[in-house]
PDB file of N, CA and C in Angstrom:
ATOM      1  N   MET A   1       5.924   4.502  11.389  1.00  0.00           N
ATOM      2  CA  MET A   1       4.152   3.684  11.810  1.00  0.00           C
ATOM      3  C   MET A   1       5.176   2.840  12.176  1.00  0.00           C
ATOM      4  N   ALA A   2       4.254   2.598  13.589  1.00  0.00           N
ATOM      5  CA  ALA A   2       4.113   1.543  14.648  1.00  0.00           C
ATOM      6  C   ALA A   2       3.552   0.079  13.971  1.00  0.00           C
ATOM      7  N   ASP A   3       4.164  -0.810  14.645  1.00  0.00           N
ATOM      8  CA  ASP A   3       3.260  -2.095  14.085  1.00  0.00           C
ATOM      9  C   ASP A   3       2.356  -2.338  14.294  1.00  0.00           C
ATOM     10  N   ASP A   4       1.474  -1.331  15.465  1.00  0.00           N
ATOM     11  CA  ASP A   4      -0.348  -1.850  15.925  1.00  0.00           C
ATOM     12  C   ASP A   4      -0.756  -0.847  14.791  1.00  0.00           C
ATOM     13  N   GLU A   5       0.139   0.186  14.371  1.00  0.00           N
ATOM     14  CA  GLU A   5      -1.038   1.347  13.421  1.00  0.00           C
ATOM     15  C   GLU A   5      -0.950   0.244  12.326  1.00  0.00           C
ATOM     16  N   LEU A   6      -0.293  -0.311  11.428  1.00  0.00           N
ATOM     17  CA  LEU A   6       0.101  -0.700   9.938  1.00  0.00           C
ATOM     18  C   LEU A   6      -1.196  -1.763  10.657  1.00  0.00           C
ATOM     19  N   VAL A   7      -0.899  -2.926  11.960  1.00  0.00           N
ATOM     20  CA  VAL A   7      -2.537  -3.746  11.868  1.00  0.00           C
ATOM     21  C   VAL A   7      -3.068  -3.180  11.681  1.00  0.00           C
ATOM     22  N   ALA A   8      -3.703  -2.295  12.516  1.00  0.00           N
ATOM     23  CA  ALA A   8      -4.925  -1.823  12.179  1.00  0.00           C
ATOM     24  C   ALA A   8      -5.423  -0.878  10.984  1.00  0.00           C
ATOM     25  N   ALA A   9      -4.541  -0.365  10.311  1.00  0.00           N
ATOM     26  CA  ALA A   9      -4.644   0.083   8.962  1.00  0.00           C
ATOM     27  C   ALA A   9      -4.879  -1.241   7.932  1.00  0.00           C
ATOM     28  N   THR A  10      -4.288  -2.157   8.188  1.00  0.00           N
ATOM     29  CA  THR A  10      -4.458  -3.497   7.205  1.00  0.00           C
ATOM     30  C   THR A  10      -6.433  -3.788   7.779  1.00  0.00           C
ATOM     31  N   ALA A  11      -6.541  -3.825   8.750  1.00  0.00           N
ATOM     32  CA  ALA A  11      -7.610  -4.116   9.237  1.00  0.00           C
ATOM     33  C   ALA A  11      -8.863  -3.551   8.680  1.00  0.00           C
ATOM     34  N   GLU A  12      -8.574  -2.257   8.664  1.00  0.00           N
ATOM     35  CA  GLU A  12      -9.640  -1.266   8.044  1.00  0.00           C
ATOM     36  C   GLU A  12     -10.142  -1.180   6.509  1.00  0.00           C
ATOM     37  N   ARG A  13      -8.482  -1.526   6.055  1.00  0.00           N
ATOM     38  CA  ARG A  13      -8.626  -1.481   4.541  1.00  0.00           C
ATOM     39  C   ARG A  13      -9.185  -3.555   4.003  1.00  0.00           C
ATOM     40  N   TYR A  14      -8.741  -4.141   4.857  1.00  0.00           N
ATOM     41  CA  TYR A  14      -9.515  -5.669   4.848  1.00  0.00           C
ATOM     42  C   TYR A  14     -11.065  -5.534   4.968  1.00  0.00           C
ATOM     43  N   PHE A  15     -11.613  -4.682   5.580  1.00  0.00           N
ATOM     44  CA  PHE A  15     -13.093  -4.577   6.147  1.00  0.00           C
ATOM     45  C   PHE A  15     -13.730  -3.878   4.775  1.00  0.00           C
ATOM     46  N   ALA A  16     -12.934  -2.521   4.365  1.00  0.00           N
ATOM     47  CA  ALA A  16     -13.457  -1.837   3.517  1.00  0.00           C
ATOM     48  C   ALA A  16     -13.620  -2.817   2.399  1.00  0.00           C
ATOM     49  N   ILE A  17     -12.559  -3.474   1.525  1.00  0.00           N
ATOM     50  CA  ILE A  17     -12.379  -4.361   0.627  1.00  0.00           C
ATOM     51  C   ILE A  17     -13.519  -5.657   0.511  1.00  0.00           C
ATOM     52  N   VAL A  18     -13.943  -5.884   1.940  1.00  0.00           N
ATOM     53  CA  VAL A  18     -15.506  -6.817   2.016  1.00  0.00           C
ATOM     54  C   VAL A  18     -16.412  -5.877   1.989  1.00  0.00           C
ATOM     55  N   SER A  19     -16.674  -5.395   2.684  1.00  0.00           N
ATOM     56  CA  SER A  19     -17.652  -4.348   2.663  1.00  0.00           C
ATOM     57  C   SER A  19     -18.243  -3.965   1.721  1.00  0.00           C
ATOM     58  N   ALA A  20     -17.287  -3.627   0.191  1.00  0.00           N
ATOM     59  CA  ALA A  20     -17.263  -3.354  -0.982  1.00  0.00           C
ATOM     60  C   ALA A  20     -18.208  -4.512  -1.872  1.00  0.00           C
ATOM     61  N   CYS A  21     -17.353  -5.884  -1.522  1.00  0.00           N
ATOM     62  CA  CYS A  21     -17.774  -6.929  -2.175  1.00  0.00           C
ATOM     63  C   CYS A  21     -19.287  -7.397  -1.593  1.00  0.00           C
ATOM     64  N   LEU A  22     -19.523  -6.855  -0.455  1.00  0.00           N
ATOM     65  CA  LEU A  22     -20.988  -7.088   0.216  1.00  0.00           C
ATOM     66  C   LEU A  22     -21.804  -6.445  -0.543  1.00  0.00           C
ATOM     67  N   SER A  23     -21.675  -5.235  -0.802  1.00  0.00           N
ATOM     68  CA  SER A  23     -22.292  -4.124  -1.360  1.00  0.00           C
ATOM     69  C   SER A  23     -22.602  -4.365  -2.408  1.00  0.00           C
ATOM     70  N   LEU A  24     -21.671  -4.928  -3.340  1.00  0.00           N
ATOM     71  CA  LEU A  24     -21.938  -5.325  -4.772  1.00  0.00           C
ATOM     72  C   LEU A  24     -22.998  -6.551  -4.467  1.00  0.00           C
ATOM     73  N   GLY A  25     -22.933  -7.568  -3.969  1.00  0.00           N
ATOM     74  CA  GLY A  25     -23.517  -8.269  -4.062  1.00  0.00           C
ATOM     75  C   GLY A  25     -25.051  -8.062  -3.619  1.00  0.00           C
ATOM     76  N   VAL A  26     -25.576  -6.976  -2.761  1.00  0.00           N
ATOM     77  CA  VAL A  26     -26.425  -6.629  -2.561  1.00  0.00           C
ATOM     78  C   VAL A  26     -27.412  -5.748  -3.739  1.00  0.00           C
ATOM     79  N   ARG A  27     -26.384  -5.021  -4.126  1.00  0.00           N
ATOM     80  CA  ARG A  27     -26.810  -4.415  -5.624  1.00  0.00           C
ATOM     81  C   ARG A  27     -27.376  -5.591  -6.691  1.00  0.00           C
ATOM     82  N   GLN A  28     -26.566  -6.486  -6.726  1.00  0.00           N
ATOM     83  CA  GLN A  28     -27.093  -7.548  -7.724  1.00  0.00           C
ATOM     84  C   GLN A  28     -27.747  -8.327  -7.683  1.00  0.00           C
ATOM     85  N   ARG A  29     -28.460  -7.687  -6.341  1.00  0.00           N
ATOM     86  CA  ARG A  29     -29.363  -8.515  -5.795  1.00  0.00           C
ATOM     87  C   ARG A  29     -28.785 -10.278  -5.327  1.00  0.00           C
ATOM     88  N   GLY A  30     -28.135 -10.462  -4.982  1.00  0.00           N
ATOM     89  CA  GLY A  30     -27.398 -11.860  -4.446  1.00  0.00           C
ATOM     90  C   GLY A  30     -27.583 -11.787  -2.989  1.00  0.00           C
ATOM     91  N   LEU A  31     -27.673 -10.841  -2.590  1.00  0.00           N
ATOM     92  CA  LEU A  31     -27.646 -10.865  -1.134  1.00  0.00           C
ATOM     93  C   LEU A  31     -28.672  -9.507  -0.723  1.00  0.00           C
ATOM     94  N   ASP A  32     -29.360 -10.149   0.303  1.00  0.00           N
ATOM     95  CA  ASP A  32     -30.423  -9.052   0.585  1.00  0.00           C
ATOM     96  C   ASP A  32     -30.370  -7.781   1.606  1.00  0.00           C
ATOM     97  N   ARG A  33     -28.899  -7.917   2.293  1.00  0.00           N
ATOM     98  CA  ARG A  33     -28.260  -6.859   2.860  1.00  0.00           C
ATOM     99  C   ARG A  33     -26.609  -6.843   3.486  1.00  0.00           C
ATOM    100  N   ASN A  34     -25.881  -6.116   3.525  1.00  0.00           N
ATOM    101  CA  ASN A  34     -24.871  -6.089   3.687  1.00  0.00           C
ATOM    102  C   ASN A  34     -24.405  -6.389   5.017  1.00  0.00           C
ATOM    103  N   PRO A  35     -23.884  -7.071   5.731  1.00  0.00           N
ATOM    104  CA  PRO A  35     -23.779  -7.724   6.707  1.00  0.00           C
ATOM    105  C   PRO A  35     -22.624  -6.776   7.735  1.00  0.00           C
ATOM    106  N   ALA A  36     -21.823  -6.344   7.039  1.00  0.00           N
ATOM    107  CA  ALA A  36     -20.678  -5.438   7.317  1.00  0.00           C
ATOM    108  C   ALA A  36     -21.151  -4.086   7.538  1.00  0.00           C
ATOM    109  N   LEU A  37     -22.242  -3.853   7.545  1.00  0.00           N
ATOM    110  CA  LEU A  37     -22.806  -2.138   7.337  1.00  0.00           C
ATOM    111  C   LEU A  37     -23.793  -2.551   8.591  1.00  0.00           C
ATOM    112  N   ALA A  38     -24.113  -3.618   9.259  1.00  0.00           N
ATOM    113  CA  ALA A  38     -25.398  -3.823   9.900  1.00  0.00           C
ATOM    114  C   ALA A  38     -25.138  -3.076  11.198  1.00  0.00           C
ATOM    115  N   GLU A  39     -23.862  -3.130  11.904  1.00  0.00           N
ATOM    116  CA  GLU A  39     -24.196  -2.118  13.160  1.00  0.00           C
ATOM    117  C   GLU A  39     -21.564  -2.097  13.550  1.00  0.00           C
ATOM    118  N   ALA A  40     -21.493  -1.207  14.131  1.00  0.00           N
ATOM    119  CA  ALA A  40     -19.918  -1.104  14.796  1.00  0.00           C
ATOM    120  C   ALA A  40     -20.026  -2.073  15.120  1.00  0.00           C
ATOM    121  N   ALA A  41     -18.743  -2.601  15.477  1.00  0.00           N
ATOM    122  CA  ALA A  41     -17.982  -3.760  16.074  1.00  0.00           C
ATOM    123  C   ALA A  41     -18.458  -3.339  17.585  1.00  0.00           C
ATOM    124  N   SER A  42     -18.347  -4.570  18.484  1.00  0.00           N
ATOM    125  CA  SER A  42     -18.679  -4.566  19.847  1.00  0.00           C
ATOM    126  C   SER A  42     -17.315  -4.673  20.766  1.00  0.00           C
ATOM    127  N   GLU A  43     -16.381  -5.165  19.789  1.00  0.00           N
ATOM    128  CA  GLU A  43     -15.385  -5.858  20.654  1.00  0.00           C
ATOM    129  C   GLU A  43     -13.916  -4.847  19.750  1.00  0.00           C
ATOM    130  N   SER A  44     -12.719  -4.725  20.553  1.00  0.00           N
ATOM    131  CA  SER A  44     -11.664  -4.650  20.091  1.00  0.00           C
ATOM    132  C   SER A  44     -11.037  -6.202  18.853  1.00  0.00           C
ATOM    133  N   LEU A  45     -10.393  -5.718  17.890  1.00  0.00           N
ATOM    134  CA  LEU A  45      -9.687  -7.075  17.201  1.00  0.00           C
ATOM    135  C   LEU A  45      -8.671  -7.710  18.643  1.00  0.00           C
ATOM    136  N   PRO A  46      -8.319  -8.797  18.888  1.00  0.00           N
ATOM    137  CA  PRO A  46      -7.597  -9.558  19.588  1.00  0.00           C
ATOM    138  C   PRO A  46      -6.117  -8.814  19.333  1.00  0.00           C
ATOM    139  N   GLN A  47      -5.418  -9.454  20.481  1.00  0.00           N
ATOM    140  CA  GLN A  47      -3.975  -8.373  20.674  1.00  0.00           C
ATOM    141  C   GLN A  47      -3.208  -9.682  19.577  1.00  0.00           C
ATOM    142  N   GLN A  48      -2.390  -9.048  18.971  1.00  0.00           N
ATOM    143  CA  GLN A  48      -1.282 -10.083  17.861  1.00  0.00           C
ATOM    144  C   GLN A  48      -0.740 -10.592  18.914  1.00  0.00           C
ATOM    145  N   GLN A  49      -0.379 -11.904  18.867  1.00  0.00           N
ATOM    146  CA  GLN A  49       0.461 -12.519  19.403  1.00  0.00           C
ATOM    147  C   GLN A  49       2.075 -12.620  18.565  1.00  0.00           C
ATOM    148  N   ARG A  50       2.760 -12.022  19.342  1.00  0.00           N
ATOM    149  CA  ARG A  50       3.999 -12.131  18.888  1.00  0.00           C
ATOM    150  C   ARG A  50       4.964 -13.204  19.031  1.00  0.00           C
ATOM    151  N   SER A  51       5.582 -13.824  18.046  1.00  0.00           N
ATOM    152  CA  SER A  51       6.355 -14.897  18.520  1.00  0.00           C
ATOM    153  C   SER A  51       7.450 -14.812  17.577  1.00  0.00           C
ATOM    154  N   ASP A  52       8.894 -15.580  17.919  1.00  0.00           N
ATOM    155  CA  ASP A  52       9.929 -15.796  16.610  1.00  0.00           C
ATOM    156  C   ASP A  52       9.453 -16.842  15.894  1.00  0.00           C
ATOM    157  N   ARG A  53       9.098 -16.326  14.351  1.00  0.00           N
ATOM    158  CA  ARG A  53       8.378 -16.948  13.642  1.00  0.00           C
ATOM    159  C   ARG A  53       9.862 -17.735  12.915  1.00  0.00           C
ATOM    160  N   THR A  54       9.884 -18.709  12.764  1.00  0.00           N
ATOM    161  CA  THR A  54      11.078 -19.558  11.943  1.00  0.00           C
ATOM    162  C   THR A  54      10.213 -19.955  10.608  1.00  0.00           C
ATOM    163  N   ASP A  55       8.894 -19.691  10.173  1.00  0.00           N
ATOM    164  CA  ASP A  55       8.479 -20.454   8.614  1.00  0.00           C
ATOM    165  C   ASP A  55       8.589 -19.370   7.819  1.00  0.00           C
ATOM    166  N   GLN A  56       8.961 -17.866   8.619  1.00  0.00           N
ATOM    167  CA  GLN A  56       8.575 -16.839   7.804  1.00  0.00           C
ATOM    168  C   GLN A  56       9.866 -16.794   6.402  1.00  0.00           C
ATOM    169  N   GLN A  57       9.344 -16.679   5.611  1.00  0.00           N
ATOM    170  CA  GLN A  57      10.613 -16.498   4.605  1.00  0.00           C
ATOM    171  C   GLN A  57      10.748 -15.495   3.873  1.00  0.00           C
ATOM    172  N   PHE A  58      12.155 -14.704   3.763  1.00  0.00           N
ATOM    173  CA  PHE A  58      12.422 -13.480   3.013  1.00  0.00           C
ATOM    174  C   PHE A  58      12.971 -13.788   2.191  1.00  0.00           C
ATOM    175  N   TRP A  59      13.225 -12.831   0.971  1.00  0.00           N
ATOM    176  CA  TRP A  59      13.934 -13.030  -0.200  1.00  0.00           C
ATOM    177  C   TRP A  59      15.135 -12.069  -0.095  1.00  0.00           C
ATOM    178  N   THR A  60      16.337 -12.674  -0.719  1.00  0.00           N
ATOM    179  CA  THR A  60      17.425 -11.938  -0.610  1.00  0.00           C
ATOM    180  C   THR A  60      17.440 -10.648  -1.860  1.00  0.00           C
ATOM    181  N   PRO A  61      17.806  -9.925  -1.763  1.00  0.00           N
ATOM    182  CA  PRO A  61      18.072  -9.063  -2.815  1.00  0.00           C
ATOM    183  C   PRO A  61      18.049  -9.329  -3.979  1.00  0.00           C
ATOM    184  N   ALA A  62      19.378 -10.409  -4.281  1.00  0.00           N
ATOM    185  CA  ALA A  62      19.386 -10.842  -5.377  1.00  0.00           C
ATOM    186  C   ALA A  62      18.330 -11.413  -6.181  1.00  0.00           C
ATOM    187  N   GLN A  63      17.903 -12.442  -4.823  1.00  0.00           N
ATOM    188  CA  GLN A  63      16.331 -13.177  -5.707  1.00  0.00           C
ATOM    189  C   GLN A  63      15.404 -12.203  -5.913  1.00  0.00           C
ATOM    190  N   LEU A  64      15.073 -11.427  -4.923  1.00  0.00           N
ATOM    191  CA  LEU A  64      14.411 -10.237  -5.284  1.00  0.00           C
ATOM    192  C   LEU A  64      14.708  -9.723  -7.576  1.00  0.00           C
ATOM    193  N   ALA A  65      16.106  -9.412  -7.346  1.00  0.00           N
ATOM    194  CA  ALA A  65      16.142  -8.515  -8.570  1.00  0.00           C
ATOM    195  C   ALA A  65      16.039  -9.878  -9.617  1.00  0.00           C
ATOM    196  N   SER A  66      16.080 -10.879  -9.559  1.00  0.00           N
ATOM    197  CA  SER A  66      16.118 -12.311 -10.453  1.00  0.00           C
ATOM    198  C   SER A  66      14.506 -12.438 -10.886  1.00  0.00           C
ATOM    199  N   TYR A  67      14.060 -12.154  -9.622  1.00  0.00           N
ATOM    200  CA  TYR A  67      12.302 -12.716 -10.167  1.00  0.00           C
ATOM    201  C   TYR A  67      12.109 -10.982 -10.902  1.00  0.00           C
ATOM    202  N   ARG A  68      12.410 -10.134 -10.341  1.00  0.00           N
ATOM    203  CA  ARG A  68      11.593  -9.194 -11.302  1.00  0.00           C
ATOM    204  C   ARG A  68      12.565  -9.049 -12.932  1.00  0.00           C
ATOM    205  N   GLU A  69      13.271  -9.752 -12.827  1.00  0.00           N
ATOM    206  CA  GLU A  69      13.828  -9.767 -14.379  1.00  0.00           C
ATOM    207  C   GLU A  69      13.166 -10.841 -15.199  1.00  0.00           C
ATOM    208  N   VAL A  70      12.637 -12.319 -14.273  1.00  0.00           N
ATOM    209  CA  VAL A  70      12.095 -13.041 -15.034  1.00  0.00           C
ATOM    210  C   VAL A  70      10.310 -12.494 -15.317  1.00  0.00           C
ATOM    211  N   ARG A  71      10.064 -11.448 -14.627  1.00  0.00           N
ATOM    212  CA  ARG A  71       8.798 -11.004 -14.603  1.00  0.00           C
ATOM    213  C   ARG A  71       8.446 -10.240 -15.857  1.00  0.00           C
ATOM    214  N   ARG A  72       9.524  -9.408 -16.598  1.00  0.00           N
ATOM    215  CA  ARG A  72       9.706  -8.412 -17.217  1.00  0.00           C
ATOM    216  C   ARG A  72       9.005  -8.993 -18.699  1.00  0.00           C
TER     217      ARG A  72
END
């Protein structure tokens, strides 16, 4: 799967979750309407900016194994 497909799939999943939560709010009479269902998007999502992120952390296999052991 290409990076842009993953980004699109993630955005669609998040939208579905938000829409479902808003629909629940409508059913429970906390909201008058679900704004996520109002209309189709009129613009595409902006292009993701690629950069060399140095603030992102990754676990080594040993760190991951240690975490999993603690969580059991």
